[in-house]
Amino acid sequence: MPNSIHGCFVDRLGNVFVAGNADAMVQKYSPVGTLLLRIGTRGKFDSVDGTRRGKGNNTACDQLHMPSDVIILSRPVMDELQKQDKVAAGPITNVVGTAVSVAARAGAPKPDVSSVDAFKRTLLATKSIVYADPAKDGASGVYFASVLDRLGIAEQMKPKTILVPGAQASDVVAKGEAELGVAQAFEIVPVTGRAIGGPAPRRVRTCDGLLRGG
């Protein structure tokens, strides 16, 4: 399996495709769990020198850097591209949303996220919390940082916050290195040793995907 799972897809035949987060690894499993296909190497970037900056080893990776007619990205990244004049002027359309959820270690008390007030109390009471570093443009991290600002507790949370570069928040929680983690639900589900405390309250939980003509 990849170091951490970015997402998965089930085709019409029941085969499961699992995509890695950062290491460009893709695996295909049959409906009964037999490995049918593996692209890439666990823990190694899909590039000629094995680093994030290296030239892509496959056509699909190279094509990511070519001009496109349509782009689907999170709003912070889209806004930055707009500032750089790398996308055509025009309206941005929300096309999909993914729930931002709270993860706790398996067996730990379930955090109360039943309302915005309960969510705020839970955050203030926790001893440690981990989420994706907003400075590295992780969608859930950027969004959750804005939620802390809206709740008025950003400064209070800083001393007990652990930032990770990608989708590792659930792994940190599962290892007992943080009491709570915040991530997109699909990043939490595959991790052994963690439990989803529940989605954040509806008013603060949606991290939107965006579509824009390029």
N, C-alpha and C. Protein backbone atom coordinates (compact mmCIF):
# COMPACT_ATOMS: atom_id res chain seq x y z
N MET A 1 0.84 -1.20 0.00
CA MET A 1 0.00 0.00 0.00
C MET A 1 0.88 1.25 0.00
N PRO A 2 0.35 2.38 -0.49
CA PRO A 2 1.10 3.64 -0.43
C PRO A 2 1.36 4.05 1.01
N ASN A 3 2.28 5.01 1.21
CA ASN A 3 2.56 5.52 2.56
C ASN A 3 1.29 6.04 3.22
N SER A 4 0.50 6.79 2.47
CA SER A 4 -0.81 7.23 2.94
C SER A 4 -1.72 7.31 1.73
N ILE A 5 -3.00 7.12 1.94
CA ILE A 5 -3.94 7.02 0.83
C ILE A 5 -4.56 8.38 0.53
N HIS A 6 -4.46 8.79 -0.73
CA HIS A 6 -5.05 10.06 -1.15
C HIS A 6 -6.51 9.88 -1.53
N GLY A 7 -6.83 8.75 -2.14
CA GLY A 7 -8.21 8.51 -2.54
C GLY A 7 -8.37 7.13 -3.14
N CYS A 8 -9.61 6.72 -3.36
CA CYS A 8 -9.84 5.42 -3.98
C CYS A 8 -11.06 5.50 -4.89
N PHE A 9 -11.14 4.52 -5.81
CA PHE A 9 -12.22 4.50 -6.79
C PHE A 9 -12.59 3.05 -7.06
N VAL A 10 -13.87 2.78 -7.19
CA VAL A 10 -14.36 1.43 -7.50
C VAL A 10 -14.99 1.47 -8.88
N ASP A 11 -14.50 0.62 -9.80
CA ASP A 11 -15.07 0.62 -11.14
C ASP A 11 -16.33 -0.26 -11.20
N ARG A 12 -16.95 -0.33 -12.38
CA ARG A 12 -18.22 -1.04 -12.50
C ARG A 12 -18.10 -2.54 -12.30
N LEU A 13 -16.86 -3.06 -12.35
CA LEU A 13 -16.64 -4.49 -12.13
C LEU A 13 -16.29 -4.79 -10.67
N GLY A 14 -16.23 -3.76 -9.86
CA GLY A 14 -15.92 -3.96 -8.45
C GLY A 14 -14.44 -3.90 -8.12
N ASN A 15 -13.60 -3.62 -9.11
CA ASN A 15 -12.17 -3.48 -8.84
C ASN A 15 -11.92 -2.16 -8.11
N VAL A 16 -10.98 -2.18 -7.18
CA VAL A 16 -10.70 -1.00 -6.36
C VAL A 16 -9.34 -0.42 -6.73
N PHE A 17 -9.33 0.86 -7.06
CA PHE A 17 -8.09 1.57 -7.37
C PHE A 17 -7.74 2.46 -6.17
N VAL A 18 -6.51 2.33 -5.68
CA VAL A 18 -6.05 3.11 -4.53
C VAL A 18 -4.89 3.98 -4.97
N ALA A 19 -5.00 5.29 -4.72
CA ALA A 19 -3.95 6.23 -5.11
C ALA A 19 -3.21 6.73 -3.87
N GLY A 20 -1.88 6.74 -3.95
CA GLY A 20 -1.08 7.21 -2.83
C GLY A 20 -1.03 8.72 -2.73
N ASN A 21 -0.74 9.20 -1.55
CA ASN A 21 -0.58 10.64 -1.32
C ASN A 21 0.91 10.96 -1.36
N ALA A 22 1.34 11.71 -2.35
CA ALA A 22 2.72 12.19 -2.52
C ALA A 22 3.63 11.20 -3.25
N ASP A 23 3.51 9.88 -3.02
CA ASP A 23 4.47 8.99 -3.66
C ASP A 23 4.03 8.50 -5.05
N ALA A 24 2.95 9.05 -5.58
CA ALA A 24 2.49 8.75 -6.94
C ALA A 24 2.30 7.27 -7.19
N MET A 25 1.91 6.54 -6.16
CA MET A 25 1.71 5.10 -6.30
C MET A 25 0.23 4.81 -6.50
N VAL A 26 -0.07 3.93 -7.47
CA VAL A 26 -1.45 3.53 -7.74
C VAL A 26 -1.51 2.01 -7.73
N GLN A 27 -2.52 1.46 -7.04
CA GLN A 27 -2.71 0.02 -7.01
C GLN A 27 -4.14 -0.32 -7.40
N LYS A 28 -4.28 -1.48 -8.05
CA LYS A 28 -5.60 -1.96 -8.44
C LYS A 28 -5.82 -3.32 -7.79
N TYR A 29 -6.95 -3.46 -7.09
CA TYR A 29 -7.30 -4.71 -6.42
C TYR A 29 -8.59 -5.27 -6.98
N SER A 30 -8.68 -6.59 -7.04
CA SER A 30 -9.91 -7.25 -7.46
C SER A 30 -10.95 -7.12 -6.34
N PRO A 31 -12.21 -7.46 -6.63
CA PRO A 31 -13.25 -7.39 -5.59
C PRO A 31 -12.95 -8.25 -4.36
N VAL A 32 -12.10 -9.29 -4.50
CA VAL A 32 -11.78 -10.14 -3.35
C VAL A 32 -10.42 -9.78 -2.74
N GLY A 33 -9.83 -8.68 -3.19
CA GLY A 33 -8.60 -8.20 -2.56
C GLY A 33 -7.30 -8.63 -3.19
N THR A 34 -7.35 -9.25 -4.38
CA THR A 34 -6.12 -9.66 -5.06
C THR A 34 -5.49 -8.47 -5.78
N LEU A 35 -4.19 -8.26 -5.57
CA LEU A 35 -3.50 -7.17 -6.24
C LEU A 35 -3.37 -7.48 -7.73
N LEU A 36 -3.93 -6.63 -8.58
CA LEU A 36 -3.92 -6.84 -10.02
C LEU A 36 -2.91 -5.96 -10.74
N LEU A 37 -2.62 -4.80 -10.18
CA LEU A 37 -1.75 -3.84 -10.86
C LEU A 37 -1.11 -2.92 -9.84
N ARG A 38 0.15 -2.60 -10.05
CA ARG A 38 0.83 -1.62 -9.19
C ARG A 38 1.66 -0.69 -10.06
N ILE A 39 1.47 0.60 -9.90
CA ILE A 39 2.26 1.61 -10.61
C ILE A 39 2.99 2.44 -9.57
N GLY A 40 4.29 2.60 -9.72
CA GLY A 40 5.06 3.40 -8.77
C GLY A 40 5.62 2.56 -7.64
N THR A 41 6.39 3.21 -6.77
CA THR A 41 7.05 2.56 -5.65
C THR A 41 6.69 3.25 -4.35
N ARG A 42 6.35 2.48 -3.34
CA ARG A 42 5.99 3.03 -2.04
C ARG A 42 7.09 3.96 -1.52
N GLY A 43 6.71 5.18 -1.15
CA GLY A 43 7.64 6.11 -0.55
C GLY A 43 8.56 6.82 -1.52
N LYS A 44 8.42 6.58 -2.84
CA LYS A 44 9.29 7.21 -3.81
C LYS A 44 8.48 8.02 -4.80
N PHE A 45 8.85 9.26 -5.00
CA PHE A 45 8.14 10.10 -5.95
C PHE A 45 8.32 9.56 -7.37
N ASP A 46 7.29 9.70 -8.18
CA ASP A 46 7.33 9.19 -9.55
C ASP A 46 8.07 10.20 -10.44
N SER A 47 9.38 10.24 -10.30
CA SER A 47 10.19 11.17 -11.08
C SER A 47 11.55 10.51 -11.37
N VAL A 48 12.30 11.12 -12.28
CA VAL A 48 13.56 10.50 -12.71
C VAL A 48 14.59 10.42 -11.59
N ASP A 49 14.53 11.35 -10.64
CA ASP A 49 15.51 11.32 -9.55
C ASP A 49 14.89 10.95 -8.20
N GLY A 50 13.61 10.56 -8.21
CA GLY A 50 12.97 10.13 -6.98
C GLY A 50 12.62 11.24 -6.02
N THR A 51 12.60 12.49 -6.50
CA THR A 51 12.24 13.63 -5.65
C THR A 51 11.02 14.33 -6.21
N ARG A 52 10.42 15.18 -5.39
CA ARG A 52 9.22 15.91 -5.81
C ARG A 52 9.50 16.83 -7.01
N ARG A 53 10.74 17.35 -7.09
CA ARG A 53 11.08 18.31 -8.13
C ARG A 53 11.54 17.66 -9.43
N GLY A 54 11.78 16.37 -9.41
CA GLY A 54 12.30 15.70 -10.60
C GLY A 54 11.29 15.60 -11.72
N LYS A 55 11.79 15.43 -12.95
CA LYS A 55 10.91 15.28 -14.11
C LYS A 55 10.11 13.98 -14.00
N GLY A 56 8.82 14.05 -14.34
CA GLY A 56 7.95 12.89 -14.22
C GLY A 56 8.41 11.71 -15.06
N ASN A 57 8.20 10.50 -14.54
CA ASN A 57 8.62 9.29 -15.23
C ASN A 57 7.58 8.78 -16.22
N ASN A 58 6.37 9.29 -16.15
CA ASN A 58 5.34 8.75 -17.05
C ASN A 58 4.58 9.88 -17.72
N THR A 59 3.89 9.53 -18.79
CA THR A 59 3.19 10.52 -19.59
C THR A 59 2.15 11.27 -18.78
N ALA A 60 1.41 10.54 -17.93
CA ALA A 60 0.35 11.18 -17.15
C ALA A 60 0.92 12.29 -16.28
N CYS A 61 2.08 12.04 -15.67
CA CYS A 61 2.69 13.05 -14.81
C CYS A 61 3.11 14.26 -15.64
N ASP A 62 3.71 14.01 -16.81
CA ASP A 62 4.13 15.12 -17.67
C ASP A 62 2.94 15.96 -18.10
N GLN A 63 1.82 15.32 -18.37
CA GLN A 63 0.66 16.04 -18.86
C GLN A 63 0.05 16.96 -17.81
N LEU A 64 0.36 16.72 -16.54
CA LEU A 64 -0.16 17.59 -15.50
C LEU A 64 0.35 19.01 -15.65
N HIS A 65 1.47 19.19 -16.35
CA HIS A 65 2.08 20.50 -16.50
C HIS A 65 1.73 21.15 -17.84
N MET A 66 0.83 20.55 -18.60
CA MET A 66 0.45 21.09 -19.90
C MET A 66 -0.79 21.97 -19.75
N PRO A 67 -1.03 22.89 -20.71
CA PRO A 67 -2.24 23.72 -20.67
C PRO A 67 -3.49 22.86 -20.65
N SER A 68 -4.51 23.30 -19.92
CA SER A 68 -5.75 22.54 -19.78
C SER A 68 -6.94 23.44 -20.05
N ASP A 69 -8.04 22.84 -20.48
CA ASP A 69 -9.26 23.60 -20.70
C ASP A 69 -10.04 23.78 -19.41
N VAL A 70 -9.92 22.83 -18.50
CA VAL A 70 -10.66 22.88 -17.24
C VAL A 70 -9.74 22.47 -16.10
N ILE A 71 -9.87 23.14 -14.97
CA ILE A 71 -9.07 22.81 -13.78
C ILE A 71 -10.01 22.57 -12.62
N ILE A 72 -9.75 21.54 -11.81
CA ILE A 72 -10.50 21.30 -10.58
C ILE A 72 -9.51 21.36 -9.43
N LEU A 73 -9.66 22.36 -8.57
CA LEU A 73 -8.73 22.58 -7.46
C LEU A 73 -9.47 23.18 -6.28
N SER A 74 -8.80 23.25 -5.13
CA SER A 74 -9.37 23.92 -3.98
C SER A 74 -9.30 25.43 -4.20
N ARG A 75 -10.15 26.17 -3.50
CA ARG A 75 -10.22 27.61 -3.73
C ARG A 75 -8.90 28.34 -3.45
N PRO A 76 -8.17 28.04 -2.35
CA PRO A 76 -6.92 28.78 -2.13
C PRO A 76 -5.93 28.64 -3.28
N VAL A 77 -5.83 27.43 -3.85
CA VAL A 77 -4.92 27.22 -4.97
C VAL A 77 -5.44 27.95 -6.20
N MET A 78 -6.75 27.88 -6.41
CA MET A 78 -7.35 28.56 -7.56
C MET A 78 -7.15 30.06 -7.47
N ASP A 79 -7.33 30.61 -6.28
CA ASP A 79 -7.14 32.05 -6.10
C ASP A 79 -5.71 32.46 -6.40
N GLU A 80 -4.74 31.63 -6.00
CA GLU A 80 -3.34 31.94 -6.25
C GLU A 80 -3.05 31.90 -7.76
N LEU A 81 -3.61 30.91 -8.46
CA LEU A 81 -3.43 30.84 -9.91
C LEU A 81 -4.04 32.05 -10.60
N GLN A 82 -5.15 32.53 -10.06
CA GLN A 82 -5.79 33.70 -10.63
C GLN A 82 -4.89 34.93 -10.47
N LYS A 83 -4.26 35.06 -9.31
CA LYS A 83 -3.35 36.19 -9.07
C LYS A 83 -2.17 36.15 -10.05
N GLN A 84 -1.76 34.93 -10.42
CA GLN A 84 -0.62 34.77 -11.33
C GLN A 84 -1.04 34.79 -12.80
N ASP A 85 -2.34 35.06 -13.06
CA ASP A 85 -2.88 35.09 -14.43
C ASP A 85 -2.65 33.78 -15.18
N LYS A 86 -2.74 32.66 -14.46
CA LYS A 86 -2.53 31.36 -15.08
C LYS A 86 -3.85 30.67 -15.43
N VAL A 87 -4.96 31.29 -15.08
CA VAL A 87 -6.27 30.79 -15.49
C VAL A 87 -7.06 31.94 -16.10
N ALA A 88 -7.98 31.62 -17.00
CA ALA A 88 -8.76 32.65 -17.68
C ALA A 88 -9.68 33.35 -16.69
N ALA A 89 -9.88 34.63 -16.91
CA ALA A 89 -10.80 35.38 -16.08
C ALA A 89 -12.21 34.85 -16.27
N GLY A 90 -12.99 34.87 -15.21
CA GLY A 90 -14.35 34.36 -15.29
C GLY A 90 -14.80 33.81 -13.95
N PRO A 91 -16.06 33.42 -13.85
CA PRO A 91 -16.59 32.94 -12.57
C PRO A 91 -16.05 31.56 -12.20
N ILE A 92 -15.94 31.33 -10.89
CA ILE A 92 -15.57 30.02 -10.36
C ILE A 92 -16.85 29.30 -9.95
N THR A 93 -16.95 28.04 -10.30
CA THR A 93 -18.15 27.27 -10.00
C THR A 93 -17.82 26.13 -9.04
N ASN A 94 -18.52 26.05 -7.93
CA ASN A 94 -18.35 24.93 -7.00
C ASN A 94 -18.97 23.68 -7.63
N VAL A 95 -18.20 22.60 -7.69
CA VAL A 95 -18.73 21.38 -8.30
C VAL A 95 -18.78 20.20 -7.34
N VAL A 96 -18.05 20.25 -6.25
CA VAL A 96 -18.04 19.12 -5.33
C VAL A 96 -17.57 19.59 -3.96
N GLY A 97 -17.99 18.91 -2.93
CA GLY A 97 -17.54 19.21 -1.59
C GLY A 97 -17.14 17.92 -0.88
N THR A 98 -16.20 18.01 0.04
CA THR A 98 -15.80 16.84 0.83
C THR A 98 -15.83 17.20 2.30
N ALA A 99 -16.36 16.32 3.11
CA ALA A 99 -16.55 16.62 4.53
C ALA A 99 -15.22 16.63 5.28
N VAL A 100 -15.00 17.68 6.05
CA VAL A 100 -13.86 17.72 6.96
C VAL A 100 -14.31 17.07 8.26
N SER A 101 -13.58 16.06 8.70
CA SER A 101 -13.99 15.27 9.87
C SER A 101 -12.92 15.28 10.95
N VAL A 102 -13.31 14.83 12.12
CA VAL A 102 -12.42 14.77 13.27
C VAL A 102 -12.07 13.31 13.55
N ALA A 103 -10.79 13.02 13.71
CA ALA A 103 -10.33 11.67 14.00
C ALA A 103 -9.80 11.58 15.42
N ALA A 104 -10.12 10.50 16.10
CA ALA A 104 -9.58 10.21 17.42
C ALA A 104 -8.99 8.80 17.37
N ARG A 105 -8.12 8.48 18.31
CA ARG A 105 -7.51 7.16 18.34
C ARG A 105 -8.57 6.11 18.69
N ALA A 106 -8.49 4.96 18.07
CA ALA A 106 -9.45 3.89 18.34
C ALA A 106 -9.47 3.58 19.84
N GLY A 107 -10.67 3.51 20.42
CA GLY A 107 -10.83 3.23 21.84
C GLY A 107 -10.90 4.46 22.71
N ALA A 108 -10.54 5.62 22.18
CA ALA A 108 -10.60 6.87 22.95
C ALA A 108 -12.04 7.37 22.97
N PRO A 109 -12.39 8.20 23.95
CA PRO A 109 -13.74 8.78 23.97
C PRO A 109 -14.03 9.53 22.68
N LYS A 110 -15.24 9.38 22.19
CA LYS A 110 -15.62 10.04 20.95
C LYS A 110 -15.77 11.54 21.19
N PRO A 111 -15.08 12.38 20.42
CA PRO A 111 -15.19 13.83 20.61
C PRO A 111 -16.59 14.33 20.26
N ASP A 112 -17.05 15.32 21.01
CA ASP A 112 -18.38 15.89 20.77
C ASP A 112 -18.27 16.96 19.68
N VAL A 113 -18.81 16.65 18.52
CA VAL A 113 -18.81 17.60 17.41
C VAL A 113 -20.25 17.80 16.92
N SER A 114 -21.19 17.67 17.85
CA SER A 114 -22.60 17.68 17.48
C SER A 114 -23.12 19.06 17.10
N SER A 115 -22.43 20.12 17.49
CA SER A 115 -22.84 21.48 17.15
C SER A 115 -21.59 22.34 17.07
N VAL A 116 -21.74 23.54 16.56
CA VAL A 116 -20.58 24.44 16.46
C VAL A 116 -20.03 24.75 17.85
N ASP A 117 -20.91 25.00 18.82
CA ASP A 117 -20.45 25.29 20.17
C ASP A 117 -19.74 24.09 20.79
N ALA A 118 -20.29 22.89 20.59
CA ALA A 118 -19.67 21.68 21.13
C ALA A 118 -18.32 21.44 20.46
N PHE A 119 -18.26 21.67 19.16
CA PHE A 119 -17.02 21.52 18.40
C PHE A 119 -15.95 22.47 18.95
N LYS A 120 -16.33 23.70 19.21
CA LYS A 120 -15.40 24.69 19.75
C LYS A 120 -14.89 24.27 21.13
N ARG A 121 -15.81 23.79 21.98
CA ARG A 121 -15.40 23.33 23.32
C ARG A 121 -14.44 22.14 23.22
N THR A 122 -14.73 21.23 22.31
CA THR A 122 -13.87 20.06 22.12
C THR A 122 -12.46 20.48 21.70
N LEU A 123 -12.37 21.41 20.78
CA LEU A 123 -11.08 21.89 20.31
C LEU A 123 -10.30 22.56 21.44
N LEU A 124 -10.96 23.37 22.23
CA LEU A 124 -10.29 24.07 23.32
C LEU A 124 -9.85 23.10 24.43
N ALA A 125 -10.59 22.01 24.59
CA ALA A 125 -10.29 21.06 25.67
C ALA A 125 -9.21 20.05 25.28
N THR A 126 -9.00 19.83 23.99
CA THR A 126 -8.05 18.80 23.58
C THR A 126 -6.62 19.19 23.95
N LYS A 127 -5.80 18.19 24.23
CA LYS A 127 -4.41 18.44 24.62
C LYS A 127 -3.51 18.66 23.39
N SER A 128 -3.89 18.04 22.28
CA SER A 128 -3.10 18.18 21.05
C SER A 128 -3.97 17.88 19.85
N ILE A 129 -3.65 18.53 18.73
CA ILE A 129 -4.43 18.34 17.51
C ILE A 129 -3.49 18.43 16.32
N VAL A 130 -3.77 17.65 15.30
CA VAL A 130 -2.91 17.61 14.12
C VAL A 130 -3.75 17.81 12.87
N TYR A 131 -3.22 18.58 11.94
CA TYR A 131 -3.87 18.75 10.64
C TYR A 131 -2.82 19.18 9.61
N ALA A 132 -3.20 19.20 8.35
CA ALA A 132 -2.27 19.51 7.26
C ALA A 132 -1.83 20.97 7.34
N ASP A 133 -0.56 21.19 7.09
CA ASP A 133 0.02 22.52 7.16
C ASP A 133 -0.61 23.42 6.08
N PRO A 134 -1.29 24.49 6.47
CA PRO A 134 -1.90 25.39 5.47
C PRO A 134 -0.87 26.00 4.53
N ALA A 135 0.36 26.17 5.01
CA ALA A 135 1.40 26.77 4.17
C ALA A 135 1.77 25.88 2.99
N LYS A 136 1.42 24.59 3.06
CA LYS A 136 1.72 23.66 1.97
C LYS A 136 0.50 23.39 1.10
N ASP A 137 -0.55 24.19 1.29
CA ASP A 137 -1.73 24.19 0.42
C ASP A 137 -2.61 22.95 0.53
N GLY A 138 -2.46 22.16 1.61
CA GLY A 138 -3.38 21.04 1.80
C GLY A 138 -4.79 21.58 2.00
N ALA A 139 -5.75 21.09 1.22
CA ALA A 139 -7.10 21.66 1.23
C ALA A 139 -7.73 21.67 2.62
N SER A 140 -7.64 20.53 3.34
CA SER A 140 -8.27 20.47 4.66
C SER A 140 -7.55 21.38 5.66
N GLY A 141 -6.22 21.48 5.55
CA GLY A 141 -5.47 22.35 6.45
C GLY A 141 -5.78 23.81 6.25
N VAL A 142 -5.84 24.24 4.98
CA VAL A 142 -6.18 25.63 4.68
C VAL A 142 -7.57 25.95 5.20
N TYR A 143 -8.50 25.02 4.96
CA TYR A 143 -9.88 25.26 5.36
C TYR A 143 -10.01 25.27 6.89
N PHE A 144 -9.36 24.30 7.56
CA PHE A 144 -9.50 24.23 9.01
C PHE A 144 -8.88 25.45 9.68
N ALA A 145 -7.78 25.97 9.13
CA ALA A 145 -7.17 27.18 9.68
C ALA A 145 -8.17 28.34 9.61
N SER A 146 -8.93 28.40 8.51
CA SER A 146 -9.94 29.46 8.39
C SER A 146 -11.08 29.24 9.39
N VAL A 147 -11.40 27.97 9.69
CA VAL A 147 -12.44 27.68 10.68
C VAL A 147 -12.00 28.16 12.06
N LEU A 148 -10.75 27.91 12.43
CA LEU A 148 -10.24 28.37 13.72
C LEU A 148 -10.31 29.89 13.83
N ASP A 149 -10.02 30.56 12.73
CA ASP A 149 -10.13 32.03 12.72
C ASP A 149 -11.58 32.46 12.93
N ARG A 150 -12.49 31.79 12.24
CA ARG A 150 -13.91 32.15 12.36
C ARG A 150 -14.44 31.87 13.76
N LEU A 151 -13.92 30.83 14.40
CA LEU A 151 -14.34 30.51 15.77
C LEU A 151 -13.65 31.40 16.80
N GLY A 152 -12.65 32.15 16.37
CA GLY A 152 -11.95 33.06 17.27
C GLY A 152 -10.99 32.39 18.23
N ILE A 153 -10.48 31.19 17.86
CA ILE A 153 -9.61 30.45 18.78
C ILE A 153 -8.27 30.08 18.14
N ALA A 154 -7.93 30.73 17.05
CA ALA A 154 -6.69 30.37 16.34
C ALA A 154 -5.46 30.50 17.23
N GLU A 155 -5.36 31.60 17.97
CA GLU A 155 -4.19 31.81 18.82
C GLU A 155 -4.15 30.81 19.97
N GLN A 156 -5.31 30.47 20.53
CA GLN A 156 -5.37 29.52 21.64
C GLN A 156 -4.96 28.11 21.22
N MET A 157 -5.18 27.79 19.95
CA MET A 157 -4.89 26.44 19.47
C MET A 157 -3.42 26.26 19.07
N LYS A 158 -2.72 27.33 18.78
CA LYS A 158 -1.35 27.22 18.27
C LYS A 158 -0.41 26.38 19.15
N PRO A 159 -0.40 26.57 20.48
CA PRO A 159 0.57 25.82 21.30
C PRO A 159 0.37 24.31 21.29
N LYS A 160 -0.83 23.84 20.94
CA LYS A 160 -1.08 22.40 20.96
C LYS A 160 -1.32 21.83 19.56
N THR A 161 -0.90 22.56 18.56
CA THR A 161 -1.11 22.15 17.18
C THR A 161 0.14 21.50 16.58
N ILE A 162 -0.07 20.38 15.91
CA ILE A 162 0.98 19.71 15.14
C ILE A 162 0.59 19.82 13.67
N LEU A 163 1.51 20.31 12.84
CA LEU A 163 1.24 20.43 11.41
C LEU A 163 2.01 19.37 10.64
N VAL A 164 1.35 18.73 9.68
CA VAL A 164 1.99 17.72 8.85
C VAL A 164 1.96 18.19 7.40
N PRO A 165 2.88 17.71 6.57
CA PRO A 165 2.96 18.23 5.20
C PRO A 165 1.86 17.78 4.26
N GLY A 166 1.17 16.69 4.58
CA GLY A 166 0.14 16.18 3.67
C GLY A 166 -1.00 15.54 4.44
N ALA A 167 -1.36 14.32 3.99
CA ALA A 167 -2.53 13.64 4.56
C ALA A 167 -2.14 12.67 5.67
N GLN A 168 -1.18 13.05 6.52
CA GLN A 168 -0.69 12.15 7.57
C GLN A 168 -1.37 12.35 8.92
N ALA A 169 -2.34 13.24 9.02
CA ALA A 169 -2.96 13.56 10.31
C ALA A 169 -3.50 12.31 11.00
N SER A 170 -4.20 11.45 10.26
CA SER A 170 -4.79 10.25 10.86
C SER A 170 -3.72 9.29 11.36
N ASP A 171 -2.60 9.20 10.64
CA ASP A 171 -1.50 8.34 11.07
C ASP A 171 -0.92 8.82 12.40
N VAL A 172 -0.79 10.13 12.55
CA VAL A 172 -0.26 10.70 13.79
C VAL A 172 -1.20 10.39 14.96
N VAL A 173 -2.49 10.49 14.72
CA VAL A 173 -3.48 10.16 15.76
C VAL A 173 -3.42 8.68 16.11
N ALA A 174 -3.36 7.83 15.10
CA ALA A 174 -3.34 6.38 15.32
C ALA A 174 -2.12 5.95 16.14
N LYS A 175 -1.01 6.66 15.99
CA LYS A 175 0.21 6.36 16.74
C LYS A 175 0.18 6.92 18.16
N GLY A 176 -0.85 7.69 18.49
CA GLY A 176 -0.96 8.28 19.82
C GLY A 176 -0.14 9.53 20.01
N GLU A 177 0.29 10.14 18.90
CA GLU A 177 1.14 11.33 18.98
C GLU A 177 0.32 12.62 19.01
N ALA A 178 -0.98 12.50 18.80
CA ALA A 178 -1.90 13.63 18.91
C ALA A 178 -3.24 13.09 19.36
N GLU A 179 -3.96 13.87 20.15
CA GLU A 179 -5.25 13.41 20.67
C GLU A 179 -6.33 13.43 19.59
N LEU A 180 -6.34 14.48 18.78
CA LEU A 180 -7.32 14.61 17.72
C LEU A 180 -6.63 14.97 16.41
N GLY A 181 -7.29 14.62 15.31
CA GLY A 181 -6.81 15.00 14.00
C GLY A 181 -7.97 15.54 13.19
N VAL A 182 -7.67 16.43 12.29
CA VAL A 182 -8.69 16.98 11.39
C VAL A 182 -8.23 16.74 9.96
N ALA A 183 -9.09 16.13 9.16
CA ALA A 183 -8.74 15.82 7.77
C ALA A 183 -10.02 15.56 7.00
N GLN A 184 -9.87 15.41 5.70
CA GLN A 184 -11.02 15.02 4.90
C GLN A 184 -11.37 13.57 5.22
N ALA A 185 -12.65 13.27 5.22
CA ALA A 185 -13.11 11.96 5.68
C ALA A 185 -12.44 10.81 4.94
N PHE A 186 -12.23 10.95 3.63
CA PHE A 186 -11.66 9.83 2.87
C PHE A 186 -10.20 9.59 3.22
N GLU A 187 -9.54 10.56 3.87
CA GLU A 187 -8.17 10.37 4.31
C GLU A 187 -8.11 9.64 5.65
N ILE A 188 -9.20 9.69 6.41
CA ILE A 188 -9.24 9.09 7.74
C ILE A 188 -9.63 7.62 7.68
N VAL A 189 -10.62 7.30 6.85
CA VAL A 189 -11.22 5.97 6.83
C VAL A 189 -10.21 4.83 6.67
N PRO A 190 -9.21 4.91 5.76
CA PRO A 190 -8.34 3.74 5.54
C PRO A 190 -7.30 3.49 6.62
N VAL A 191 -7.14 4.40 7.58
CA VAL A 191 -6.03 4.30 8.53
C VAL A 191 -6.39 3.40 9.71
N THR A 192 -5.59 2.36 9.94
CA THR A 192 -5.79 1.44 11.05
C THR A 192 -5.40 2.12 12.36
N GLY A 193 -6.22 1.93 13.41
CA GLY A 193 -5.89 2.48 14.72
C GLY A 193 -6.51 3.83 14.99
N ARG A 194 -7.33 4.29 14.10
CA ARG A 194 -8.01 5.55 14.31
C ARG A 194 -9.52 5.30 14.24
N ALA A 195 -10.29 6.23 14.76
CA ALA A 195 -11.74 6.17 14.64
C ALA A 195 -12.23 7.56 14.27
N ILE A 196 -13.23 7.64 13.41
CA ILE A 196 -13.79 8.94 13.07
C ILE A 196 -14.71 9.39 14.19
N GLY A 197 -14.39 10.53 14.78
CA GLY A 197 -15.24 11.07 15.83
C GLY A 197 -16.52 11.63 15.25
N GLY A 198 -16.49 11.93 13.97
CA GLY A 198 -17.66 12.44 13.29
C GLY A 198 -17.29 13.62 12.42
N PRO A 199 -18.14 13.94 11.46
CA PRO A 199 -17.89 15.13 10.64
C PRO A 199 -18.05 16.38 11.47
N ALA A 200 -17.29 17.40 11.14
CA ALA A 200 -17.45 18.68 11.83
C ALA A 200 -18.86 19.19 11.57
N PRO A 201 -19.39 20.06 12.41
CA PRO A 201 -20.74 20.59 12.20
C PRO A 201 -20.90 21.14 10.79
N ARG A 202 -22.09 20.99 10.24
CA ARG A 202 -22.34 21.33 8.85
C ARG A 202 -21.90 22.76 8.51
N ARG A 203 -22.08 23.67 9.44
CA ARG A 203 -21.75 25.08 9.16
C ARG A 203 -20.27 25.30 8.94
N VAL A 204 -19.43 24.37 9.38
CA VAL A 204 -17.98 24.60 9.26
C VAL A 204 -17.23 23.45 8.61
N ARG A 205 -17.92 22.45 8.07
CA ARG A 205 -17.20 21.25 7.70
C ARG A 205 -16.87 21.09 6.22
N THR A 206 -17.50 21.80 5.31
CA THR A 206 -17.33 21.50 3.90
C THR A 206 -16.12 22.19 3.31
N CYS A 207 -15.26 21.37 2.69
CA CYS A 207 -14.08 21.87 2.00
C CYS A 207 -14.33 21.67 0.51
N ASP A 208 -14.62 22.73 -0.21
CA ASP A 208 -15.14 22.61 -1.56
C ASP A 208 -14.08 22.38 -2.62
N GLY A 209 -14.42 21.54 -3.59
CA GLY A 209 -13.63 21.44 -4.81
C GLY A 209 -14.18 22.45 -5.79
N LEU A 210 -13.36 22.95 -6.71
CA LEU A 210 -13.80 24.03 -7.58
C LEU A 210 -13.52 23.73 -9.04
N LEU A 211 -14.29 24.31 -9.91
CA LEU A 211 -14.10 24.12 -11.35
C LEU A 211 -13.97 25.49 -12.01
N ARG A 212 -13.02 25.61 -12.91
CA ARG A 212 -12.87 26.89 -13.61
C ARG A 212 -12.35 26.63 -15.02
N GLY A 213 -12.84 27.37 -15.99
CA GLY A 213 -12.31 27.28 -17.34
C GLY A 213 -10.88 27.80 -17.35
N GLY A 214 -9.98 27.13 -18.11
CA GLY A 214 -8.59 27.55 -18.11
C GLY A 214 -8.18 28.11 -19.46
